Amino acid sequence: MLLASLAITTAQAAQLSAVALAKGGAPSNLTIQANFVYGSGGTTADTWVQTSLDGGATWTDIANFHFTTASARFIYNLSAATPKTTQVTPTDGTLAANTSVDGVLGPMFRAKSTTVGTYATSTTLSVNINAGGVSAPVAVQ
């Protein structure tokens, strides 16, 4: 399911996608794919996929995709079954480049994107998610 789709033409700060809700509760796993198609110009583009455990009052980064001036496609597969034996310090748009936080999946997801520099109109970024282990598919609100 498509979580975010952006045509990047100017520097953007904290561009938010629609919220996706996993019907039936938090999924047991989440596969995330980000596809960056580079046109020209620009410097960096970061997208954080986030989850909420409190109905959207606060958001926590679970994956960061960092792109520069080349087309790329990256994938994460996160599992709620990964034990967390120490507390996780939540971040909001500051998780380090190309890292993820496994073991923390709530029932809500969104993407938060920031770009630096002016990319050409043919530069695009899309984020797709696939939630597993829920009774119904993810729906965008």
Protein backbone atom coordinates (compact mmCIF):
# COMPACT_ATOMS: atom_id res chain seq x y z
CA MET A 1 0.00 0.00 0.00
CA LEU A 2 1.25 3.45 -0.89
CA LEU A 3 1.98 5.47 2.26
CA ALA A 4 3.59 8.54 0.68
CA SER A 5 4.19 9.92 -2.80
CA LEU A 6 6.02 13.20 -3.33
CA ALA A 7 7.16 15.16 -6.34
CA ILE A 8 10.13 17.08 -4.94
CA THR A 9 10.64 20.52 -6.47
CA THR A 10 11.63 22.73 -3.52
CA ALA A 11 13.22 22.23 -0.12
CA GLN A 12 10.62 20.73 2.20
CA ALA A 13 10.51 20.67 5.99
CA ALA A 14 8.51 17.98 7.78
CA GLN A 15 6.18 17.07 4.89
CA LEU A 16 3.70 14.57 6.39
CA SER A 17 1.88 11.77 4.59
CA ALA A 18 -1.63 10.63 5.34
CA VAL A 19 -1.98 8.31 8.32
CA ALA A 20 -2.29 4.58 7.64
CA LEU A 21 -4.21 2.55 10.20
CA ALA A 22 -3.67 -1.19 10.58
CA LYS A 23 -7.20 -2.46 11.11
CA GLY A 24 -7.34 -5.12 13.77
CA GLY A 25 -4.49 -3.67 15.85
CA ALA A 26 -0.73 -3.44 15.56
CA PRO A 27 0.78 -5.72 12.92
CA SER A 28 3.26 -8.47 13.76
CA ASN A 29 5.60 -7.24 11.03
CA LEU A 30 5.95 -4.32 8.65
CA THR A 31 7.79 -4.30 5.34
CA ILE A 32 8.69 -0.81 4.11
CA GLN A 33 10.03 0.16 0.71
CA ALA A 34 11.20 3.64 -0.27
CA ASN A 35 11.87 4.49 -3.91
CA PHE A 36 13.74 7.69 -4.79
CA VAL A 37 13.86 8.67 -8.46
CA TYR A 38 16.47 11.37 -8.95
CA GLY A 39 16.02 14.06 -11.57
CA SER A 40 18.67 16.71 -10.92
CA GLY A 41 19.72 19.34 -8.39
CA GLY A 42 19.08 19.00 -4.68
CA THR A 43 21.34 17.78 -1.90
CA THR A 44 19.62 15.33 0.47
CA ALA A 45 16.21 13.81 1.07
CA ASP A 46 15.26 12.01 4.29
CA THR A 47 12.08 10.13 5.04
CA TRP A 48 11.22 8.75 8.45
CA VAL A 49 8.51 6.13 8.70
CA GLN A 50 6.82 6.60 12.05
CA THR A 51 4.40 4.72 14.26
CA SER A 52 2.04 5.92 16.98
CA LEU A 53 1.15 3.95 20.09
CA ASP A 54 -1.26 6.55 21.48
CA GLY A 55 -3.78 7.20 18.73
CA GLY A 56 -1.64 9.76 16.89
CA ALA A 57 -0.91 12.09 19.82
CA THR A 58 2.83 11.38 19.47
CA TRP A 59 4.88 9.78 16.69
CA THR A 60 8.04 7.68 16.91
CA ASP A 61 10.57 7.02 14.15
CA ILE A 62 10.95 3.36 13.22
CA ALA A 63 12.92 3.70 9.97
CA ASN A 64 14.95 6.33 8.11
CA PHE A 65 15.63 6.38 4.39
CA HIS A 66 18.39 8.80 3.38
CA PHE A 67 18.90 9.76 -0.28
CA THR A 68 21.25 12.18 -2.03
CA THR A 69 21.73 12.73 -5.76
CA ALA A 70 21.19 9.27 -7.22
CA SER A 71 18.15 7.10 -7.72
CA ALA A 72 17.84 4.33 -5.12
CA ARG A 73 15.38 1.87 -3.63
CA PHE A 74 15.71 0.50 -0.07
CA ILE A 75 13.66 -1.96 2.01
CA TYR A 76 13.28 -2.67 5.73
CA ASN A 77 11.41 -5.57 7.32
CA LEU A 78 10.52 -4.84 10.95
CA SER A 79 9.08 -7.30 13.45
CA ALA A 80 7.03 -6.64 16.57
CA ALA A 81 8.39 -9.94 17.94
CA THR A 82 11.91 -8.52 18.39
CA PRO A 83 12.31 -8.20 22.16
CA LYS A 84 13.19 -4.83 23.64
CA THR A 85 14.87 -5.48 26.99
CA THR A 86 15.84 -1.84 27.55
CA GLN A 87 13.67 1.20 27.03
CA VAL A 88 13.58 2.80 23.61
CA THR A 89 14.12 6.55 23.44
CA PRO A 90 11.53 7.82 20.94
CA THR A 91 12.64 10.20 18.19
CA ASP A 92 10.53 12.33 15.85
CA GLY A 93 12.29 13.06 12.58
CA THR A 94 15.78 12.59 14.01
CA LEU A 95 16.52 8.84 13.69
CA ALA A 96 20.00 8.47 12.13
CA ALA A 97 20.34 8.05 8.38
CA ASN A 98 19.63 4.57 7.02
CA THR A 99 18.78 3.01 10.39
CA SER A 100 15.69 1.42 11.92
CA VAL A 101 14.20 0.55 15.30
CA ASP A 102 12.98 -3.02 15.31
CA GLY A 103 10.41 -4.32 17.80
CA VAL A 104 8.21 -1.22 18.06
CA LEU A 105 5.09 -1.34 15.89
CA GLY A 106 1.88 0.46 16.77
CA PRO A 107 -1.37 0.36 14.79
CA MET A 108 -0.78 3.72 13.03
CA PHE A 109 1.89 4.73 10.49
CA ARG A 110 2.91 7.83 8.56
CA ALA A 111 5.91 9.16 6.66
CA LYS A 112 7.71 12.41 7.46
CA SER A 113 9.99 13.83 4.75
CA THR A 114 12.54 16.61 4.70
CA THR A 115 14.65 17.71 1.74
CA VAL A 116 17.59 20.08 1.36
CA GLY A 117 18.19 21.96 -1.87
CA THR A 118 16.01 22.35 -4.94
CA TYR A 119 15.45 19.14 -6.86
CA ALA A 120 14.14 19.13 -10.43
CA THR A 121 10.46 18.43 -11.08
CA SER A 122 11.26 14.90 -12.20
CA THR A 123 12.55 13.92 -8.72
CA THR A 124 10.07 11.76 -6.82
CA LEU A 125 9.93 9.81 -3.59
CA SER A 126 7.44 7.08 -2.75
CA VAL A 127 7.04 4.92 0.35
CA ASN A 128 5.06 1.67 0.38
CA ILE A 129 4.21 -0.46 3.40
CA ASN A 130 2.90 -3.96 3.86
CA ALA A 131 1.63 -4.87 7.32
CA GLY A 132 1.48 -8.55 8.24
CA GLY A 133 -0.40 -10.41 10.92
CA VAL A 134 -3.44 -8.09 11.15
CA SER A 135 -7.02 -9.16 10.59
CA ALA A 136 -7.58 -6.59 7.83
CA PRO A 137 -5.34 -4.64 5.48
CA VAL A 138 -3.91 -1.24 6.27
CA ALA A 139 -6.17 1.67 5.29
CA VAL A 140 -5.16 5.29 4.69
CA GLN A 141 -7.10 7.94 6.60
